[in-house]
Amino acid sequence: MTTPRMKWMAAVVAVAGVLAGCTHRDSVIVGAVPDDYRTNHPIVLTEGEEVLDIPVGILSYRLSGQQEAAIAGFMDNYGESGKSVVTILVPDGAANSPAAASVSREMATSLRKHGVPQGYVQILAYQASPADVAPIRLTFSRLKATVGPCGRWPADLTENYENRHYANFGCAYQNNLAAQVANPMDLLGPRKMTTIDAENRGHAINDYKNRRISESFWENSEVFYD
């Protein structure tokens, strides 16, 4: 037999269940909104192209010292992401085309000195205006760390009642970090540890056991102890 008290308790339980379901749904929606600059502006590893334009004069039939130095600096990052083909684009139809063709052959020899394997250098031509003194262009592909463009302001900062990060927060920091990292592969995980210096470790352990301070510490320290 159902009494009025039992009906009242059943109604209370039903209402509590509905409210609990609503509360759970709201928490999931709020928790799904990203509020981390690393999530909003992720650093992505992509394959990009390195480009160097080398001007060549009409009478420059040999590779100059300055051009050699520019190539050496340009090739410093070559090979970090694996060996890739280096392309030498030589202007065709320009006023300096004969000189550029001669210099490009010396460039190919120079590139092999800088670690480019045999068969990884290709010389191609591109069309240039007869009135131009067009440069020789060197290109190769390497892994780069990139971030999307900054400057997104989809909402008014004064209406941020939840005290969350604004859309552009952290974008400049992520771009600077991506530009400064020497090897983008370091963002994926740590490198393999190098072997230890057994002799140096032995000296350090002996100093620790004997409660002594190493001589190198005394020599490099800026603090004097009595």
C-alpha atoms as a PDB file:
ATOM      1  CA  MET A   1       0.000   0.000   0.000  1.00  0.00           C
ATOM      2  CA  THR A   2       1.467   3.364  -1.061  1.00  0.00           C
ATOM      3  CA  THR A   3       1.205   6.119   1.521  1.00  0.00           C
ATOM      4  CA  PRO A   4       1.403   9.885   0.851  1.00  0.00           C
ATOM      5  CA  ARG A   5       4.790   9.952   2.657  1.00  0.00           C
ATOM      6  CA  MET A   6       6.206   7.319   0.304  1.00  0.00           C
ATOM      7  CA  LYS A   7       4.991   9.253  -2.755  1.00  0.00           C
ATOM      8  CA  TRP A   8       6.608  12.420  -1.382  1.00  0.00           C
ATOM      9  CA  MET A   9       9.967  10.666  -0.842  1.00  0.00           C
ATOM     10  CA  ALA A  10       9.873   9.160  -4.354  1.00  0.00           C
ATOM     11  CA  ALA A  11       9.296  12.612  -5.843  1.00  0.00           C
ATOM     12  CA  VAL A  12      12.246  14.034  -3.870  1.00  0.00           C
ATOM     13  CA  VAL A  13      14.539  11.243  -5.103  1.00  0.00           C
ATOM     14  CA  ALA A  14      13.457  11.811  -8.720  1.00  0.00           C
ATOM     15  CA  VAL A  15      14.085  15.562  -8.537  1.00  0.00           C
ATOM     16  CA  ALA A  16      17.495  14.979  -6.902  1.00  0.00           C
ATOM     17  CA  GLY A  17      18.440  12.583  -9.698  1.00  0.00           C
ATOM     18  CA  VAL A  18      17.502  15.110 -12.374  1.00  0.00           C
ATOM     19  CA  LEU A  19      19.501  17.859 -10.657  1.00  0.00           C
ATOM     20  CA  ALA A  20      22.494  15.556 -10.256  1.00  0.00           C
ATOM     21  CA  GLY A  21      22.394  14.761 -13.959  1.00  0.00           C
ATOM     22  CA  CYS A  22      22.334  18.439 -14.838  1.00  0.00           C
ATOM     23  CA  THR A  23      25.257  19.206 -12.528  1.00  0.00           C
ATOM     24  CA  HIS A  24      27.388  16.447 -14.069  1.00  0.00           C
ATOM     25  CA  ARG A  25      26.644  17.630 -17.601  1.00  0.00           C
ATOM     26  CA  ASP A  26      27.624  21.243 -16.790  1.00  0.00           C
ATOM     27  CA  SER A  27      30.951  20.192 -15.242  1.00  0.00           C
ATOM     28  CA  VAL A  28      31.878  18.189 -18.335  1.00  0.00           C
ATOM     29  CA  ILE A  29      31.132  21.137 -20.646  1.00  0.00           C
ATOM     30  CA  VAL A  30      33.203  23.579 -18.580  1.00  0.00           C
ATOM     31  CA  GLY A  31      36.047  21.109 -18.177  1.00  0.00           C
ATOM     32  CA  ALA A  32      36.260  20.563 -21.932  1.00  0.00           C
ATOM     33  CA  VAL A  33      37.188  24.206 -22.634  1.00  0.00           C
ATOM     34  CA  PRO A  34      41.034  24.384 -23.066  1.00  0.00           C
ATOM     35  CA  ASP A  35      42.760  26.948 -20.862  1.00  0.00           C
ATOM     36  CA  ASP A  36      46.403  26.038 -21.532  1.00  0.00           C
ATOM     37  CA  TYR A  37      48.534  28.088 -23.941  1.00  0.00           C
ATOM     38  CA  ARG A  38      50.347  24.904 -24.981  1.00  0.00           C
ATOM     39  CA  THR A  39      47.020  23.485 -26.127  1.00  0.00           C
ATOM     40  CA  ASN A  40      45.755  26.685 -27.714  1.00  0.00           C
ATOM     41  CA  HIS A  41      49.070  27.361 -29.519  1.00  0.00           C
ATOM     42  CA  PRO A  42      50.795  23.992 -29.963  1.00  0.00           C
ATOM     43  CA  ILE A  43      54.291  23.665 -31.413  1.00  0.00           C
ATOM     44  CA  VAL A  44      54.098  21.463 -34.513  1.00  0.00           C
ATOM     45  CA  LEU A  45      57.013  19.810 -36.292  1.00  0.00           C
ATOM     46  CA  THR A  46      56.799  20.232 -40.053  1.00  0.00           C
ATOM     47  CA  GLU A  47      59.190  19.960 -42.970  1.00  0.00           C
ATOM     48  CA  GLY A  48      60.206  23.402 -44.169  1.00  0.00           C
ATOM     49  CA  GLU A  49      62.554  24.732 -46.802  1.00  0.00           C
ATOM     50  CA  GLU A  50      65.793  26.599 -46.128  1.00  0.00           C
ATOM     51  CA  VAL A  51      66.608  29.152 -48.840  1.00  0.00           C
ATOM     52  CA  LEU A  52      69.763  31.142 -49.590  1.00  0.00           C
ATOM     53  CA  ASP A  53      70.122  33.549 -52.525  1.00  0.00           C
ATOM     54  CA  ILE A  54      73.700  34.188 -53.631  1.00  0.00           C
ATOM     55  CA  PRO A  55      74.258  37.142 -55.996  1.00  0.00           C
ATOM     56  CA  VAL A  56      76.596  36.498 -58.901  1.00  0.00           C
ATOM     57  CA  GLY A  57      78.154  39.239 -61.011  1.00  0.00           C
ATOM     58  CA  ILE A  58      78.338  39.137 -64.777  1.00  0.00           C
ATOM     59  CA  LEU A  59      82.120  38.617 -64.714  1.00  0.00           C
ATOM     60  CA  SER A  60      82.232  36.386 -61.596  1.00  0.00           C
ATOM     61  CA  TYR A  61      83.172  32.996 -62.980  1.00  0.00           C
ATOM     62  CA  ARG A  62      84.678  31.682 -59.711  1.00  0.00           C
ATOM     63  CA  LEU A  63      83.273  31.176 -56.232  1.00  0.00           C
ATOM     64  CA  SER A  64      84.460  34.059 -54.033  1.00  0.00           C
ATOM     65  CA  GLY A  65      85.519  33.864 -50.386  1.00  0.00           C
ATOM     66  CA  GLN A  66      82.397  35.683 -49.213  1.00  0.00           C
ATOM     67  CA  GLN A  67      80.169  33.330 -51.166  1.00  0.00           C
ATOM     68  CA  GLU A  68      82.011  30.348 -49.694  1.00  0.00           C
ATOM     69  CA  ALA A  69      81.510  31.729 -46.169  1.00  0.00           C
ATOM     70  CA  ALA A  70      77.792  32.280 -46.841  1.00  0.00           C
ATOM     71  CA  ILE A  71      77.420  28.680 -48.013  1.00  0.00           C
ATOM     72  CA  ALA A  72      79.276  27.379 -44.956  1.00  0.00           C
ATOM     73  CA  GLY A  73      76.933  29.247 -42.606  1.00  0.00           C
ATOM     74  CA  PHE A  74      73.878  28.167 -44.570  1.00  0.00           C
ATOM     75  CA  MET A  75      74.864  24.494 -44.355  1.00  0.00           C
ATOM     76  CA  ASP A  76      75.431  24.491 -40.589  1.00  0.00           C
ATOM     77  CA  ASN A  77      71.951  23.040 -39.966  1.00  0.00           C
ATOM     78  CA  TYR A  78      72.111  20.542 -42.801  1.00  0.00           C
ATOM     79  CA  GLY A  79      71.793  16.915 -41.779  1.00  0.00           C
ATOM     80  CA  GLU A  80      70.158  17.458 -38.370  1.00  0.00           C
ATOM     81  CA  SER A  81      66.856  16.084 -39.689  1.00  0.00           C
ATOM     82  CA  GLY A  82      68.447  13.574 -42.044  1.00  0.00           C
ATOM     83  CA  LYS A  83      70.194  13.979 -45.346  1.00  0.00           C
ATOM     84  CA  SER A  84      68.098  15.761 -47.969  1.00  0.00           C
ATOM     85  CA  VAL A  85      68.683  16.830 -51.549  1.00  0.00           C
ATOM     86  CA  VAL A  86      70.283  20.248 -51.980  1.00  0.00           C
ATOM     87  CA  THR A  87      69.037  22.090 -55.057  1.00  0.00           C
ATOM     88  CA  ILE A  88      71.098  24.717 -56.906  1.00  0.00           C
ATOM     89  CA  LEU A  89      68.789  26.908 -58.986  1.00  0.00           C
ATOM     90  CA  VAL A  90      70.716  28.688 -61.735  1.00  0.00           C
ATOM     91  CA  PRO A  91      69.161  31.617 -63.655  1.00  0.00           C
ATOM     92  CA  ASP A  92      68.559  30.966 -67.352  1.00  0.00           C
ATOM     93  CA  GLY A  93      68.293  33.804 -69.850  1.00  0.00           C
ATOM     94  CA  ALA A  94      69.682  36.479 -67.523  1.00  0.00           C
ATOM     95  CA  ALA A  95      72.628  38.750 -68.218  1.00  0.00           C
ATOM     96  CA  ASN A  96      74.790  36.784 -65.771  1.00  0.00           C
ATOM     97  CA  SER A  97      73.636  33.276 -66.766  1.00  0.00           C
ATOM     98  CA  PRO A  98      77.046  32.125 -68.149  1.00  0.00           C
ATOM     99  CA  ALA A  99      78.810  33.301 -64.996  1.00  0.00           C
ATOM    100  CA  ALA A 100      76.145  31.718 -62.753  1.00  0.00           C
ATOM    101  CA  ALA A 101      76.484  28.377 -64.558  1.00  0.00           C
ATOM    102  CA  SER A 102      80.243  28.405 -63.964  1.00  0.00           C
ATOM    103  CA  VAL A 103      79.877  29.361 -60.279  1.00  0.00           C
ATOM    104  CA  SER A 104      77.187  26.711 -59.721  1.00  0.00           C
ATOM    105  CA  ARG A 105      79.636  23.912 -60.575  1.00  0.00           C
ATOM    106  CA  GLU A 106      82.033  25.160 -57.910  1.00  0.00           C
ATOM    107  CA  MET A 107      79.095  25.420 -55.496  1.00  0.00           C
ATOM    108  CA  ALA A 108      78.334  21.738 -56.031  1.00  0.00           C
ATOM    109  CA  THR A 109      81.922  20.871 -55.128  1.00  0.00           C
ATOM    110  CA  SER A 110      81.747  23.118 -52.051  1.00  0.00           C
ATOM    111  CA  LEU A 111      78.497  21.513 -50.880  1.00  0.00           C
ATOM    112  CA  ARG A 112      80.065  18.061 -50.914  1.00  0.00           C
ATOM    113  CA  LYS A 113      82.852  19.426 -48.713  1.00  0.00           C
ATOM    114  CA  HIS A 114      80.181  20.544 -46.235  1.00  0.00           C
ATOM    115  CA  GLY A 115      78.743  17.062 -45.780  1.00  0.00           C
ATOM    116  CA  VAL A 116      76.286  16.668 -48.643  1.00  0.00           C
ATOM    117  CA  PRO A 117      76.585  13.066 -49.903  1.00  0.00           C
ATOM    118  CA  GLN A 118      77.370  12.196 -53.477  1.00  0.00           C
ATOM    119  CA  GLY A 119      74.190  12.224 -55.550  1.00  0.00           C
ATOM    120  CA  TYR A 120      72.330  14.591 -53.188  1.00  0.00           C
ATOM    121  CA  VAL A 121      73.158  17.743 -55.175  1.00  0.00           C
ATOM    122  CA  GLN A 122      71.041  18.702 -58.161  1.00  0.00           C
ATOM    123  CA  ILE A 123      71.487  21.702 -60.471  1.00  0.00           C
ATOM    124  CA  LEU A 124      68.315  23.059 -62.052  1.00  0.00           C
ATOM    125  CA  ALA A 125      67.534  26.174 -64.100  1.00  0.00           C
ATOM    126  CA  TYR A 126      64.858  28.802 -63.599  1.00  0.00           C
ATOM    127  CA  GLN A 127      63.731  31.419 -66.086  1.00  0.00           C
ATOM    128  CA  ALA A 128      64.988  34.965 -65.472  1.00  0.00           C
ATOM    129  CA  SER A 129      64.616  38.269 -67.264  1.00  0.00           C
ATOM    130  CA  PRO A 130      67.415  39.161 -69.741  1.00  0.00           C
ATOM    131  CA  ALA A 131      67.804  42.561 -68.077  1.00  0.00           C
ATOM    132  CA  ASP A 132      68.291  41.083 -64.566  1.00  0.00           C
ATOM    133  CA  VAL A 133      71.434  39.992 -62.769  1.00  0.00           C
ATOM    134  CA  ALA A 134      69.675  37.112 -61.050  1.00  0.00           C
ATOM    135  CA  PRO A 135      71.064  35.223 -58.031  1.00  0.00           C
ATOM    136  CA  ILE A 136      71.768  31.537 -57.583  1.00  0.00           C
ATOM    137  CA  ARG A 137      69.343  29.999 -55.087  1.00  0.00           C
ATOM    138  CA  LEU A 138      70.288  27.158 -52.741  1.00  0.00           C
ATOM    139  CA  THR A 139      67.484  25.154 -51.100  1.00  0.00           C
ATOM    140  CA  PHE A 140      67.128  22.055 -48.948  1.00  0.00           C
ATOM    141  CA  SER A 141      64.411  20.658 -46.685  1.00  0.00           C
ATOM    142  CA  ARG A 142      64.726  20.235 -42.933  1.00  0.00           C
ATOM    143  CA  LEU A 143      62.500  19.649 -39.936  1.00  0.00           C
ATOM    144  CA  LYS A 144      61.184  22.860 -38.371  1.00  0.00           C
ATOM    145  CA  ALA A 145      59.190  23.731 -35.263  1.00  0.00           C
ATOM    146  CA  THR A 146      56.305  26.045 -36.106  1.00  0.00           C
ATOM    147  CA  VAL A 147      53.327  27.663 -34.378  1.00  0.00           C
ATOM    148  CA  GLY A 148      50.203  29.209 -35.873  1.00  0.00           C
ATOM    149  CA  PRO A 149      50.001  32.979 -36.421  1.00  0.00           C
ATOM    150  CA  CYS A 150      49.362  35.240 -33.443  1.00  0.00           C
ATOM    151  CA  GLY A 151      46.962  38.136 -33.118  1.00  0.00           C
ATOM    152  CA  ARG A 152      43.623  36.389 -32.574  1.00  0.00           C
ATOM    153  CA  TRP A 153      41.265  38.514 -30.430  1.00  0.00           C
ATOM    154  CA  PRO A 154      37.830  36.889 -30.825  1.00  0.00           C
ATOM    155  CA  ALA A 155      36.401  38.325 -27.595  1.00  0.00           C
ATOM    156  CA  ASP A 156      36.529  41.490 -25.510  1.00  0.00           C
ATOM    157  CA  LEU A 157      39.060  41.155 -22.665  1.00  0.00           C
ATOM    158  CA  THR A 158      36.806  43.142 -20.328  1.00  0.00           C
ATOM    159  CA  GLU A 159      34.080  40.502 -20.646  1.00  0.00           C
ATOM    160  CA  ASN A 160      36.226  37.654 -19.322  1.00  0.00           C
ATOM    161  CA  TYR A 161      34.072  36.921 -16.279  1.00  0.00           C
ATOM    162  CA  GLU A 162      35.546  33.403 -15.812  1.00  0.00           C
ATOM    163  CA  ASN A 163      39.098  34.780 -15.499  1.00  0.00           C
ATOM    164  CA  ARG A 164      40.379  32.516 -18.260  1.00  0.00           C
ATOM    165  CA  HIS A 165      43.333  33.062 -20.579  1.00  0.00           C
ATOM    166  CA  TYR A 166      42.549  35.200 -23.593  1.00  0.00           C
ATOM    167  CA  ALA A 167      42.892  33.600 -27.025  1.00  0.00           C
ATOM    168  CA  ASN A 168      46.265  35.189 -27.870  1.00  0.00           C
ATOM    169  CA  PHE A 169      47.832  34.359 -24.490  1.00  0.00           C
ATOM    170  CA  GLY A 170      51.143  32.481 -24.851  1.00  0.00           C
ATOM    171  CA  CYS A 171      51.267  32.677 -28.654  1.00  0.00           C
ATOM    172  CA  ALA A 172      54.374  34.905 -28.794  1.00  0.00           C
ATOM    173  CA  TYR A 173      56.151  32.746 -26.201  1.00  0.00           C
ATOM    174  CA  GLN A 174      55.470  29.556 -28.169  1.00  0.00           C
ATOM    175  CA  ASN A 175      56.659  31.166 -31.409  1.00  0.00           C
ATOM    176  CA  ASN A 176      59.886  32.349 -29.772  1.00  0.00           C
ATOM    177  CA  LEU A 177      60.532  28.910 -28.290  1.00  0.00           C
ATOM    178  CA  ALA A 178      59.949  27.231 -31.657  1.00  0.00           C
ATOM    179  CA  ALA A 179      62.309  29.693 -33.375  1.00  0.00           C
ATOM    180  CA  GLN A 180      65.114  29.309 -30.814  1.00  0.00           C
ATOM    181  CA  VAL A 181      65.230  25.530 -30.408  1.00  0.00           C
ATOM    182  CA  ALA A 182      68.371  24.200 -32.078  1.00  0.00           C
ATOM    183  CA  ASN A 183      67.070  20.710 -32.838  1.00  0.00           C
ATOM    184  CA  PRO A 184      63.271  20.383 -33.189  1.00  0.00           C
ATOM    185  CA  MET A 185      63.555  16.666 -32.407  1.00  0.00           C
ATOM    186  CA  ASP A 186      64.323  17.633 -28.789  1.00  0.00           C
ATOM    187  CA  LEU A 187      60.664  18.652 -28.434  1.00  0.00           C
ATOM    188  CA  LEU A 188      59.603  15.041 -29.006  1.00  0.00           C
ATOM    189  CA  GLY A 189      61.750  13.524 -26.289  1.00  0.00           C
ATOM    190  CA  PRO A 190      65.145  13.507 -24.577  1.00  0.00           C
ATOM    191  CA  ARG A 191      68.316  12.461 -26.314  1.00  0.00           C
ATOM    192  CA  LYS A 192      70.286   9.365 -25.434  1.00  0.00           C
ATOM    193  CA  MET A 193      72.530   9.850 -22.405  1.00  0.00           C
ATOM    194  CA  THR A 194      76.252   9.978 -23.059  1.00  0.00           C
ATOM    195  CA  THR A 195      78.729   7.743 -21.281  1.00  0.00           C
ATOM    196  CA  ILE A 196      79.905   8.822 -17.834  1.00  0.00           C
ATOM    197  CA  ASP A 197      83.350  10.082 -16.939  1.00  0.00           C
ATOM    198  CA  ALA A 198      84.412   7.318 -14.573  1.00  0.00           C
ATOM    199  CA  GLU A 199      87.563   9.097 -13.400  1.00  0.00           C
ATOM    200  CA  ASN A 200      85.746  12.327 -12.573  1.00  0.00           C
ATOM    201  CA  ARG A 201      82.989  10.420 -10.817  1.00  0.00           C
ATOM    202  CA  GLY A 202      85.538   8.548  -8.702  1.00  0.00           C
ATOM    203  CA  HIS A 203      87.164  11.807  -7.563  1.00  0.00           C
ATOM    204  CA  ALA A 204      83.777  13.275  -6.673  1.00  0.00           C
ATOM    205  CA  ILE A 205      82.776  10.234  -4.624  1.00  0.00           C
ATOM    206  CA  ASN A 206      86.116  10.223  -2.772  1.00  0.00           C
ATOM    207  CA  ASP A 207      85.761  13.922  -1.928  1.00  0.00           C
ATOM    208  CA  TYR A 208      82.249  13.284  -0.663  1.00  0.00           C
ATOM    209  CA  LYS A 209      83.361  10.349   1.491  1.00  0.00           C
ATOM    210  CA  ASN A 210      86.246  12.330   2.971  1.00  0.00           C
ATOM    211  CA  ARG A 211      84.019  15.391   3.565  1.00  0.00           C
ATOM    212  CA  ARG A 212      86.248  17.523   1.358  1.00  0.00           C
ATOM    213  CA  ILE A 213      85.545  20.227  -1.189  1.00  0.00           C
ATOM    214  CA  SER A 214      87.030  19.602  -4.621  1.00  0.00           C
ATOM    215  CA  GLU A 215      89.830  21.849  -5.849  1.00  0.00           C
ATOM    216  CA  SER A 216      87.849  22.796  -8.969  1.00  0.00           C
ATOM    217  CA  PHE A 217      85.108  24.177  -6.720  1.00  0.00           C
ATOM    218  CA  TRP A 218      87.596  26.343  -4.816  1.00  0.00           C
ATOM    219  CA  GLU A 219      89.099  27.643  -8.073  1.00  0.00           C
ATOM    220  CA  ASN A 220      85.741  28.505  -9.694  1.00  0.00           C
ATOM    221  CA  SER A 221      83.880  29.712  -6.616  1.00  0.00           C
ATOM    222  CA  GLU A 222      83.265  33.425  -6.076  1.00  0.00           C
ATOM    223  CA  VAL A 223      82.577  32.877  -2.360  1.00  0.00           C
ATOM    224  CA  PHE A 224      85.441  32.603   0.126  1.00  0.00           C
ATOM    225  CA  TYR A 225      85.026  30.310   3.118  1.00  0.00           C
ATOM    226  CA  ASP A 226      86.949  30.585   6.374  1.00  0.00           C
END
